[in-house]
Each structure stands twice: as structure tokens, then as C-alpha cells.
Amino acid sequence: MRTARIIPIVILMLCFTGTARAQFLMDMIDTTTEMGKGMISMYMKYDALRFSGYIQPEFQMAQSRGAQGYAAGNFPTAVDNRFTLRRGRIRVDYERYNKQDMPIVQFAFQFDGTERGVNIRDFYGRFFETKFNLFSLVGGMFARPFGYEVNLSSADRETPERGRMSQILMRTERDLGAMISFEPRRKDHPLRFLKIDAGAFNGQGLTATTDFDSHKDFIGRISIKPRKIKGTQSQLSGGASVLYGGMQQFTKQIHTMGTANGQPVFTVDSSVSNIGKIAPRHYYGADVQWKISNGEGKGFTQFRAEYLRGRQTATALTTETPGVIPVGPEGRLLPLYIRNFDGAYLYYIQNLGNAKHQAVLKYDWYDPNTKVKGKDIGAPGAGLTPADIRYNTVGIGYLYYANEHLKFMVYYDWVTNESTELEGYKDDLKDNVLTCRMQYRF
């Protein structure tokens, strides 16, 4: 009899988890909707536990063997096609609500399992103040509150991967830290459309098992939730983000851009006083989203754009944020390189007659060193490397939503790099990638 009573409960939980999914990594459940109220009822009755997850098996073909890039990572030297399990996520949420259907506390645990191993993705707790229903406090491993694309769930994104810039600057998207949020939860609050996040983070995210210095990154974001444009069938939303952080300089050798004989070069400062100072990681970004209804049952037309610029500290051969103190093969501390960067992405998303068929066109660029261009890279004595090369990517894809649990995607990345004087980078690399993916979701 006990088993007979449990089975309907499990089935009901799975039904709700399949339909009440969050679009963003740190979203709360909207308790003003019918689905949100249904979730509340279920949580009250079945002890507030919710399971969700998805898997993304895919097949990829690269333009050449050993292609390097950001379409699910580099291909092995002798490989130009592969089957892979890109993501395999399972998430458990525990949430409690008061008698006014307002959240009190939330715990979230998410794991990612693929052929490459099992890792954590989210491990946090969130407390909600219930006097004014305005603020919340979260601590643990969770998504950095920066930008739009970084926080858009991989299960909902219309492209296989985030852009090159997002992956390099915000690798794994998550970090260890604490954050306070202002987000009115009452339906009649005049600022219900506004959300403000501010937090302090280690800086390395999931690229390291611990912090290697005592400096913390401040990340803040102000965003406007989708607002209907009067007299139209469209919605507009957007936000502005800032990351103000850095890393401790364990080496005295700090390279920054300068000029020599009228040409851009890296210049080195080897002052002993550099040791212990903080090298900058300063990012500034703005994003906007415009969603237009095509009519009942015909889906939407969407435009998205985001632009970032700032200063990044890394090493000579990469602009990824170091996860550990940078050292060479011989154990010596590597010099640090400080570069000015910028980058952006543009999306055009179009439903094709109905909500099941969708086309997407995306353009993104990442310029890791805005002080140099093309043929400057590789000039004798300049100290420039492949890490300073600008990349542009055009992506085009088709998605078919078979039902709420099953999605198919075909997507092609056309990647171009600057022509430089560096050996191996004088022409465009053969690194285009075709991705064919299925997504199962519950």
C-alpha cells in the first residue's frame, strides 16, 4: 500500500518539473502564475522537493582534424568528427513558502555527468526576507550575476554554446561567493520589473579547487525584466553589469601594451614592488533583448545584443582567467600580461510559422587585445602571441521542438581569425564546426 501511494506522488512531481523550468540559472518560481501556484500546492503537500535535469548527446564534424575552438572544446589531433555527451545535468531543489505563498528558503544542488567525469555545477542556499518581500541572500557555488548570455540556461539557449568571449572571461559561469539581491516579489509592487544583484566572489570559479589569493571580485548587475511596449505586441528588457576584481601578482614581471618605433609592443615592468599588488580584471557590459509576437500560435521574432569591454589579466599564451598561480613547466612563476579587450554578440531568432520550428542567426566577436590589429601580431620584438588574435564567429541553426521534453538542433559555426605575421596564423584557420544535437529534458 505504501508503494502504491508513493508512485502517484513521484509521477506528479515529474510532471511539474517538466513544465515549470527556469530559463535563467538563478531564477525563482513566479508564484503569481497558475503554474507557480500549482508548484506551491505541490511543495506544501510533498515536502518542497523538486527534481529536474537534461542530457545533450551530439555529433560534431570539424573542418579539419585537431580543430581548436570553443564549440564544445578542442578536437583531438587525429579527429575531425565525434560523438559526445555535451551535458548531463540533474538538479535537486528544496524550497519552502509561507502562508502568503512567498518563498522563505531555497537550496539547490546540480551535477553534470558526461564521459569526461562528474562535477558539481550549483551548490547553494538562499534565504528570503519576508517582512518586505524585497531582498534575498545567497551563498555557495552559483552563477555569476553578469550579463545575459552567461546566465541563460544551456537547456534554453538557442545555440549549442555560449560565445567565445563568454567562455573565456566567464569559464563555467559559476563561482564561490555570496550575493544579495533586490527583487520585489509581490505582484502589486511598483518596482516588480527591477532586479539588482551585488556579490563578492573568489574569482576562479570551477577552474580551481580553492582560492589562491585573498582578493575578491565584486560583481553587480541591474536588470529590467521584460516590459510590454505600449501599443505593440512586443517586449523589451535589458541590463548593465560590472565586474571589478583582479588577482595578486606573485611575479615582478608585468607586461602592458606600449609602443616602440611607432609600433605596438608589450613592455615589461620588472620592479620588485610589483609583487603583492593586484592586477586588474575589470569588465563592463550592457545587454538588451527585444521579443515580438508573431500572432497566436506562431511564436516570436527575437533580437538580442550584448557588448563587453574592459581589462583582463592572464598570461602570454591565453586570456583565460588563471585558476591557479601561473607557473611554467620548469616550476617558475610566469609573467602576467594585462590587455584591454572588447567583444559582443548579436542574435536574430525567428519562429517559422509555429512554435515548433525555429531558425537562429548569431554573430559574435572577441578581441582580446584592442591595442593591436592583424599584421601587428608576429612583428619582431612585439611579444605578441596567438592569445592577441581577434576572432569573429557567424552561427546559423535550426531547432525543432518535438514536445516540452525533446528538442533537436542543427547548427554551424563559421569561425574567422585575423591574418597575422605569426607562423600558423597567416591565413584563416580551418576550424568551422557542425553540431547536431538532441536534448532530453524532464
Protein backbone atom coordinates (compact mmCIF):
# COMPACT_ATOMS: atom_id res chain seq x y z
CA MET A 1 0.00 0.00 0.00
CA ARG A 2 2.85 2.38 0.83
CA THR A 3 4.39 1.85 -2.64
CA ALA A 4 1.03 2.43 -4.31
CA ARG A 5 0.74 5.78 -2.53
CA ILE A 6 4.28 6.91 -3.42
CA ILE A 7 4.09 6.19 -7.19
CA PRO A 8 1.41 8.84 -7.94
CA ILE A 9 3.41 11.39 -5.93
CA VAL A 10 6.57 10.71 -7.97
CA ILE A 11 4.61 10.92 -11.25
CA LEU A 12 3.08 14.23 -10.19
CA MET A 13 6.49 15.65 -9.27
CA LEU A 14 7.94 14.66 -12.65
CA CYS A 15 5.01 16.26 -14.46
CA PHE A 16 5.58 19.54 -12.68
CA THR A 17 9.34 19.50 -13.11
CA GLY A 18 8.96 19.06 -16.86
CA THR A 19 6.83 22.17 -17.29
CA ALA A 20 7.93 24.58 -14.57
CA ARG A 21 11.50 25.03 -15.67
CA ALA A 22 13.51 28.21 -15.08
CA GLN A 23 15.01 29.98 -18.08
CA PHE A 24 17.85 31.55 -16.12
CA LEU A 25 20.36 29.91 -13.82
CA MET A 26 19.28 31.76 -10.66
CA ASP A 27 15.56 32.27 -11.41
CA MET A 28 12.91 31.93 -8.73
CA ILE A 29 9.49 30.40 -9.33
CA ASP A 30 6.88 33.03 -10.23
CA THR A 31 4.17 32.45 -7.63
CA THR A 32 1.72 34.76 -9.40
CA THR A 33 1.17 32.36 -12.32
CA GLU A 34 -1.12 29.36 -12.31
CA MET A 35 1.86 27.04 -12.72
CA GLY A 36 3.66 28.76 -9.86
CA LYS A 37 0.61 28.34 -7.63
CA GLY A 38 0.46 24.70 -8.63
CA MET A 39 4.08 24.30 -7.63
CA ILE A 40 3.32 25.89 -4.27
CA SER A 41 0.48 23.44 -3.69
CA MET A 42 2.70 20.50 -4.59
CA TYR A 43 5.54 21.69 -2.35
CA MET A 44 3.21 22.16 0.61
CA LYS A 45 1.89 18.64 0.17
CA TYR A 46 5.01 16.77 -0.87
CA ASP A 47 7.68 18.39 1.29
CA ALA A 48 9.01 21.00 -1.15
CA LEU A 49 11.34 18.74 -3.16
CA ARG A 50 11.77 19.13 -6.92
CA PHE A 51 13.87 17.13 -9.42
CA SER A 52 14.84 18.32 -12.90
CA GLY A 53 17.53 17.67 -15.47
CA TYR A 54 18.53 17.23 -19.10
CA ILE A 55 21.04 15.44 -21.31
CA GLN A 56 22.56 16.63 -24.58
CA PRO A 57 24.06 13.88 -26.78
CA GLU A 58 25.50 15.29 -30.00
CA PHE A 59 27.55 14.58 -33.12
CA GLN A 60 30.09 17.11 -34.42
CA MET A 61 32.12 17.50 -37.61
CA ALA A 62 35.07 19.90 -37.78
CA GLN A 63 36.60 21.46 -40.88
CA SER A 64 39.96 19.81 -40.11
CA ARG A 65 41.48 17.26 -37.77
CA GLY A 66 42.56 18.65 -34.44
CA ALA A 67 40.50 21.82 -34.84
CA GLN A 68 40.87 24.13 -31.85
CA GLY A 69 37.95 26.22 -30.66
CA TYR A 70 35.01 26.81 -28.36
CA ALA A 71 32.34 24.60 -29.94
CA ALA A 72 32.42 22.10 -27.04
CA GLY A 73 36.22 22.20 -26.86
CA ASN A 74 39.21 21.22 -28.96
CA PHE A 75 39.21 18.16 -31.21
CA PRO A 76 41.99 15.61 -30.61
CA THR A 77 44.90 15.74 -33.08
CA ALA A 78 43.68 12.88 -35.31
CA VAL A 79 39.93 13.61 -35.03
CA ASP A 80 37.59 15.69 -37.18
CA ASN A 81 34.27 14.12 -36.09
CA ARG A 82 32.97 12.82 -32.78
CA PHE A 83 30.01 11.71 -30.72
CA THR A 84 29.93 13.29 -27.29
CA LEU A 85 27.63 13.83 -24.35
CA ARG A 86 27.91 17.59 -24.06
CA ARG A 87 25.99 17.93 -20.83
CA GLY A 88 24.20 15.57 -18.48
CA ARG A 89 22.58 17.55 -15.69
CA ILE A 90 20.50 16.54 -12.72
CA ARG A 91 19.29 19.11 -10.23
CA VAL A 92 17.52 18.91 -6.89
CA ASP A 93 15.75 21.94 -5.40
CA TYR A 94 14.28 22.25 -1.93
CA GLU A 95 12.02 25.26 -1.41
CA ARG A 96 9.71 26.37 1.38
CA TYR A 97 6.96 29.00 1.25
CA ASN A 98 4.93 30.82 3.91
CA LYS A 99 1.16 31.11 4.16
CA GLN A 100 1.20 34.06 1.75
CA ASP A 101 2.89 31.86 -0.91
CA MET A 102 6.12 33.81 -0.56
CA PRO A 103 9.47 31.96 -0.59
CA ILE A 104 11.33 31.55 2.69
CA VAL A 105 14.35 29.44 1.82
CA GLN A 106 15.80 27.55 -1.17
CA PHE A 107 18.59 25.01 -1.52
CA ALA A 108 19.85 23.87 -4.94
CA PHE A 109 22.23 21.06 -5.89
CA GLN A 110 23.17 20.43 -9.54
CA PHE A 111 25.61 17.92 -11.00
CA ASP A 112 26.98 17.50 -14.52
CA GLY A 113 27.86 13.98 -15.68
CA THR A 114 29.49 13.18 -19.04
CA GLU A 115 32.11 10.79 -20.44
CA ARG A 116 34.65 13.25 -19.04
CA GLY A 117 33.55 12.77 -15.43
CA VAL A 118 31.08 14.10 -12.86
CA ASN A 119 31.32 17.63 -11.46
CA ILE A 120 29.20 19.99 -9.40
CA ARG A 121 27.55 22.95 -11.08
CA ASP A 122 25.35 24.55 -8.42
CA PHE A 123 25.59 24.10 -4.65
CA TYR A 124 23.95 27.00 -2.85
CA GLY A 125 21.40 28.11 -0.29
CA ARG A 126 19.22 31.20 -0.49
CA PHE A 127 17.35 32.98 2.29
CA PHE A 128 14.43 35.35 1.58
CA GLU A 129 13.40 38.14 3.93
CA THR A 130 9.62 38.02 4.39
CA LYS A 131 8.80 41.36 6.03
CA PHE A 132 9.01 43.44 2.84
CA ASN A 133 9.49 40.58 0.32
CA LEU A 134 12.22 42.56 -1.42
CA PHE A 135 15.60 41.04 -0.58
CA SER A 136 17.35 37.69 -0.64
CA LEU A 137 20.80 36.44 0.35
CA VAL A 138 22.55 33.53 -1.36
CA GLY A 139 25.84 31.80 -0.61
CA GLY A 140 27.75 28.89 -2.14
CA MET A 141 28.57 27.90 -5.71
CA PHE A 142 26.20 29.65 -8.12
CA ALA A 143 26.03 31.65 -11.36
CA ARG A 144 27.86 34.97 -11.51
CA PRO A 145 25.33 37.80 -11.90
CA PHE A 146 26.97 39.22 -15.02
CA GLY A 147 25.39 39.69 -18.42
CA TYR A 148 22.55 37.91 -20.18
CA GLU A 149 24.15 35.06 -22.14
CA VAL A 150 26.23 33.86 -19.19
CA ASN A 151 23.06 33.41 -17.12
CA LEU A 152 20.83 31.93 -19.83
CA SER A 153 20.50 28.21 -19.16
CA SER A 154 22.16 25.85 -21.66
CA ALA A 155 18.86 23.94 -21.78
CA ASP A 156 17.04 27.02 -23.13
CA ARG A 157 19.72 28.68 -25.24
CA GLU A 158 19.13 28.54 -29.00
CA THR A 159 22.81 27.91 -29.79
CA PRO A 160 24.92 24.91 -28.72
CA GLU A 161 27.42 27.03 -26.77
CA ARG A 162 27.91 30.49 -25.36
CA GLY A 163 30.10 32.82 -27.39
CA ARG A 164 33.91 32.69 -27.34
CA MET A 165 34.11 35.81 -25.17
CA SER A 166 31.63 34.48 -22.60
CA GLN A 167 33.52 31.18 -22.34
CA ILE A 168 36.94 32.80 -21.96
CA LEU A 169 36.06 35.53 -19.49
CA MET A 170 33.40 33.61 -17.53
CA ARG A 171 34.52 30.00 -17.83
CA THR A 172 31.99 27.58 -16.20
CA GLU A 173 29.77 30.63 -15.41
CA ARG A 174 29.75 29.79 -11.67
CA ASP A 175 31.89 30.89 -8.75
CA LEU A 176 32.06 30.59 -4.98
CA GLY A 177 30.75 33.61 -3.16
CA ALA A 178 27.83 35.43 -1.58
CA MET A 179 25.27 37.75 -3.15
CA ILE A 180 22.44 39.99 -2.03
CA SER A 181 19.54 40.67 -4.41
CA PHE A 182 16.79 43.26 -4.59
CA GLU A 183 13.80 41.74 -6.41
CA PRO A 184 10.24 42.68 -5.34
CA ARG A 185 8.14 39.54 -5.13
CA ARG A 186 4.66 40.99 -4.62
CA LYS A 187 2.64 41.33 -7.81
CA ASP A 188 1.46 44.87 -6.97
CA HIS A 189 4.88 46.31 -6.12
CA PRO A 190 5.72 49.33 -8.33
CA LEU A 191 9.31 48.09 -8.86
CA ARG A 192 8.45 44.48 -9.65
CA PHE A 193 10.12 44.88 -13.06
CA LEU A 194 13.51 45.68 -11.47
CA LYS A 195 16.25 43.33 -10.23
CA ILE A 196 19.57 44.32 -8.64
CA ASP A 197 22.30 41.80 -7.74
CA ALA A 198 25.57 42.51 -5.93
CA GLY A 199 28.06 39.94 -4.70
CA ALA A 200 31.65 39.07 -3.81
CA PHE A 201 33.36 36.03 -5.36
CA ASN A 202 36.69 34.18 -5.24
CA GLY A 203 37.30 34.77 -8.95
CA GLN A 204 38.48 31.35 -10.17
CA GLY A 205 35.10 29.64 -10.29
CA LEU A 206 35.10 25.92 -11.09
CA THR A 207 38.54 26.13 -12.73
CA ALA A 208 40.18 25.65 -9.30
CA THR A 209 39.50 23.79 -6.07
CA THR A 210 40.40 26.76 -3.85
CA ASP A 211 41.24 30.46 -3.92
CA PHE A 212 44.94 31.24 -4.41
CA ASP A 213 44.87 34.83 -3.12
CA SER A 214 42.82 36.91 -0.70
CA HIS A 215 41.45 39.30 -3.30
CA LYS A 216 37.77 39.04 -4.15
CA ASP A 217 35.84 40.07 -7.26
CA PHE A 218 32.86 42.38 -6.92
CA ILE A 219 30.11 41.65 -9.46
CA GLY A 220 26.97 43.72 -9.82
CA ARG A 221 24.06 43.80 -12.24
CA ILE A 222 20.96 45.95 -12.69
CA SER A 223 18.33 44.48 -14.99
CA ILE A 224 14.89 45.39 -16.26
CA LYS A 225 12.57 42.41 -16.68
CA PRO A 226 10.54 42.12 -19.92
CA ARG A 227 8.22 45.12 -20.27
CA LYS A 228 5.47 45.36 -22.86
CA ILE A 229 5.89 48.24 -25.31
CA LYS A 230 2.62 50.18 -25.32
CA GLY A 231 0.59 49.75 -28.47
CA THR A 232 2.61 46.79 -29.74
CA GLN A 233 2.84 43.02 -29.33
CA SER A 234 6.46 43.20 -28.22
CA GLN A 235 8.51 43.21 -25.02
CA LEU A 236 11.80 44.89 -24.18
CA SER A 237 14.28 44.00 -21.44
CA GLY A 238 17.92 44.73 -20.68
CA GLY A 239 20.62 45.24 -18.13
CA ALA A 240 24.03 46.61 -17.21
CA SER A 241 26.78 44.65 -15.46
CA VAL A 242 30.15 45.30 -13.86
CA LEU A 243 32.93 43.04 -12.58
CA TYR A 244 35.60 44.81 -10.57
CA GLY A 245 38.26 42.41 -9.42
CA GLY A 246 41.73 41.13 -10.07
CA MET A 247 44.44 38.74 -8.97
CA GLN A 248 47.52 39.05 -6.82
CA GLN A 249 50.81 39.50 -8.63
CA PHE A 250 53.20 36.78 -7.43
CA THR A 251 55.77 37.78 -10.03
CA LYS A 252 57.54 41.09 -10.54
CA GLN A 253 57.26 40.87 -14.34
CA ILE A 254 54.14 42.67 -15.52
CA HIS A 255 53.59 43.24 -19.25
CA THR A 256 51.36 46.01 -20.59
CA MET A 257 50.91 47.50 -24.08
CA GLY A 258 53.14 50.34 -25.21
CA THR A 259 54.92 51.47 -28.36
CA ALA A 260 58.41 51.15 -29.81
CA ASN A 261 59.41 52.89 -33.04
CA GLY A 262 55.75 53.71 -33.58
CA GLN A 263 54.67 50.06 -33.38
CA PRO A 264 52.53 48.45 -30.64
CA VAL A 265 54.56 46.15 -28.37
CA PHE A 266 54.35 44.64 -24.93
CA THR A 267 56.57 46.48 -22.46
CA VAL A 268 57.69 44.88 -19.22
CA ASP A 269 57.85 46.41 -15.73
CA SER A 270 60.18 44.32 -13.54
CA SER A 271 60.01 46.40 -10.36
CA VAL A 272 60.22 44.31 -7.21
CA SER A 273 57.40 46.46 -5.81
CA ASN A 274 55.03 44.78 -8.29
CA ILE A 275 54.96 41.65 -6.13
CA GLY A 276 51.84 41.61 -3.98
CA LYS A 277 49.93 44.21 -5.98
CA ILE A 278 46.58 43.45 -7.62
CA ALA A 279 46.50 43.05 -11.39
CA PRO A 280 43.11 44.20 -12.79
CA ARG A 281 40.15 42.23 -14.04
CA HIS A 282 37.63 44.95 -14.85
CA TYR A 283 34.65 44.18 -17.08
CA TYR A 284 31.78 46.46 -18.08
CA GLY A 285 28.79 45.27 -20.08
CA ALA A 286 25.32 46.16 -21.33
CA ASP A 287 22.65 43.96 -22.92
CA VAL A 288 19.21 44.33 -24.48
CA GLN A 289 16.51 41.86 -25.60
CA TRP A 290 13.53 42.58 -27.87
CA LYS A 291 10.81 39.95 -28.29
CA ILE A 292 7.98 40.40 -30.82
CA SER A 293 4.90 38.20 -31.02
CA ASN A 294 4.08 36.79 -34.47
CA GLY A 295 0.50 36.10 -33.51
CA GLU A 296 -1.29 33.37 -31.60
CA GLY A 297 0.41 30.01 -32.11
CA LYS A 298 3.04 31.47 -34.46
CA GLY A 299 5.85 32.00 -31.97
CA PHE A 300 8.12 35.04 -31.78
CA THR A 301 10.76 37.13 -33.50
CA GLN A 302 13.62 37.95 -31.14
CA PHE A 303 16.68 40.21 -31.20
CA ARG A 304 19.41 40.14 -28.54
CA ALA A 305 22.63 42.10 -28.20
CA GLU A 306 25.35 42.39 -25.57
CA TYR A 307 28.61 44.34 -25.51
CA LEU A 308 31.55 43.97 -23.10
CA ARG A 309 34.82 45.80 -22.68
CA GLY A 310 37.47 46.15 -20.01
CA ARG A 311 40.89 44.97 -18.83
CA GLN A 312 41.93 41.35 -18.37
CA THR A 313 44.98 39.87 -16.65
CA ALA A 314 46.26 36.50 -17.81
CA THR A 315 49.48 35.12 -19.34
CA ALA A 316 51.31 35.39 -22.66
CA LEU A 317 49.56 32.45 -24.33
CA THR A 318 45.97 32.81 -23.09
CA THR A 319 43.48 35.41 -21.91
CA GLU A 320 41.51 32.97 -19.74
CA THR A 321 41.42 33.89 -16.07
CA PRO A 322 44.06 31.75 -14.29
CA GLY A 323 42.61 29.10 -11.98
CA VAL A 324 45.91 28.67 -10.14
CA ILE A 325 49.08 30.72 -9.71
CA PRO A 326 50.58 30.66 -13.25
CA VAL A 327 53.82 28.64 -13.40
CA GLY A 328 55.80 27.21 -16.31
CA PRO A 329 56.79 23.58 -16.92
CA GLU A 330 60.01 24.14 -15.01
CA GLY A 331 58.13 25.48 -11.99
CA ARG A 332 59.00 29.15 -12.43
CA LEU A 333 56.39 31.84 -11.98
CA LEU A 334 55.05 33.07 -15.31
CA PRO A 335 54.89 36.81 -16.04
CA LEU A 336 51.44 38.39 -16.19
CA TYR A 337 50.01 40.20 -19.22
CA ILE A 338 47.39 42.93 -18.90
CA ARG A 339 45.29 43.56 -22.03
CA ASN A 340 42.38 45.80 -22.98
CA PHE A 341 39.61 43.76 -24.61
CA ASP A 342 36.17 44.09 -26.08
CA GLY A 343 33.57 41.83 -27.63
CA ALA A 344 29.89 41.44 -28.40
CA TYR A 345 27.20 39.15 -29.73
CA LEU A 346 24.04 39.69 -31.79
CA TYR A 347 21.16 37.18 -32.06
CA TYR A 348 18.28 37.01 -34.52
CA ILE A 349 15.79 34.26 -33.61
CA GLN A 350 12.73 33.53 -35.74
CA ASN A 351 9.93 31.01 -35.28
CA LEU A 352 8.90 29.54 -38.63
CA GLY A 353 5.13 29.57 -38.78
CA ASN A 354 4.66 28.00 -35.35
CA ALA A 355 6.42 27.46 -32.03
CA LYS A 356 7.87 24.06 -33.03
CA HIS A 357 10.21 25.32 -35.76
CA GLN A 358 12.85 27.96 -35.11
CA ALA A 359 15.81 29.45 -37.00
CA VAL A 360 18.68 31.33 -35.36
CA LEU A 361 21.41 33.56 -36.74
CA LYS A 362 24.21 34.74 -34.45
CA TYR A 363 27.29 36.91 -34.84
CA ASP A 364 29.88 37.36 -32.11
CA TRP A 365 33.39 38.70 -31.85
CA TYR A 366 36.10 38.70 -29.20
CA ASP A 367 39.12 40.99 -29.48
CA PRO A 368 41.47 40.08 -26.60
CA ASN A 369 43.84 42.98 -27.29
CA THR A 370 42.27 46.12 -28.73
CA LYS A 371 45.66 47.86 -28.96
CA VAL A 372 46.82 45.67 -31.88
CA LYS A 373 45.46 44.57 -35.25
CA GLY A 374 46.27 41.82 -37.75
CA LYS A 375 49.82 42.24 -39.06
CA ASP A 376 50.99 43.85 -35.79
CA ILE A 377 50.82 40.35 -34.31
CA GLY A 378 54.01 38.47 -35.07
CA ALA A 379 56.16 41.56 -35.69
CA PRO A 380 59.74 41.04 -34.38
CA GLY A 381 60.16 42.13 -30.76
CA ALA A 382 56.48 42.89 -30.19
CA GLY A 383 55.96 39.98 -27.76
CA LEU A 384 52.52 39.26 -29.23
CA THR A 385 51.13 35.70 -29.40
CA PRO A 386 48.05 33.83 -30.67
CA ALA A 387 46.29 35.00 -27.48
CA ASP A 388 46.15 38.51 -29.02
CA ILE A 389 44.27 37.48 -32.18
CA ARG A 390 40.70 38.67 -32.76
CA TYR A 391 38.08 36.05 -33.73
CA ASN A 392 34.70 36.56 -35.41
CA THR A 393 32.05 33.83 -35.47
CA VAL A 394 28.87 33.60 -37.53
CA GLY A 395 26.48 30.84 -36.50
CA ILE A 396 23.34 29.64 -38.22
CA GLY A 397 21.00 26.97 -36.93
CA TYR A 398 17.63 25.26 -37.00
CA LEU A 399 15.74 23.94 -33.95
CA TYR A 400 12.77 21.61 -33.79
CA TYR A 401 10.81 21.37 -30.52
CA ALA A 402 9.13 17.98 -30.74
CA ASN A 403 7.49 18.47 -27.34
CA GLU A 404 8.30 20.03 -23.99
CA HIS A 405 10.79 17.24 -23.24
CA LEU A 406 12.56 16.77 -26.60
CA LYS A 407 14.46 19.25 -28.79
CA PHE A 408 16.60 18.79 -31.92
CA MET A 409 19.26 21.23 -33.11
CA VAL A 410 21.45 21.55 -36.20
CA TYR A 411 23.97 24.39 -36.00
CA TYR A 412 27.02 25.53 -37.99
CA ASP A 413 29.81 27.76 -36.61
CA TRP A 414 31.79 29.69 -39.21
CA VAL A 415 34.88 31.00 -37.41
CA THR A 416 37.36 33.52 -38.84
CA ASN A 417 40.53 34.91 -37.32
CA GLU A 418 42.71 37.89 -38.14
CA SER A 419 45.52 37.34 -40.63
CA THR A 420 48.79 37.89 -38.76
CA GLU A 421 52.54 37.52 -39.21
CA LEU A 422 52.62 34.59 -36.77
CA GLU A 423 53.50 31.23 -38.26
CA GLY A 424 50.35 29.13 -38.49
CA TYR A 425 48.08 32.19 -38.26
CA LYS A 426 48.86 33.99 -41.53
CA ASP A 427 45.60 32.72 -43.01
CA ASP A 428 42.20 31.77 -41.67
CA LEU A 429 42.30 28.55 -39.65
CA LYS A 430 40.14 25.62 -40.72
CA ASP A 431 38.11 25.49 -37.52
CA ASN A 432 34.45 25.64 -38.58
CA VAL A 433 32.21 23.14 -36.77
CA LEU A 434 28.84 21.49 -37.50
CA THR A 435 26.85 20.36 -34.44
CA CYS A 436 23.84 18.02 -34.48
CA ARG A 437 22.24 17.69 -31.05
CA MET A 438 19.31 16.06 -29.29
CA GLN A 439 18.14 17.30 -25.90
CA TYR A 440 16.05 15.24 -23.50
CA ARG A 441 14.59 17.13 -20.54
CA PHE A 442 12.49 16.34 -17.52
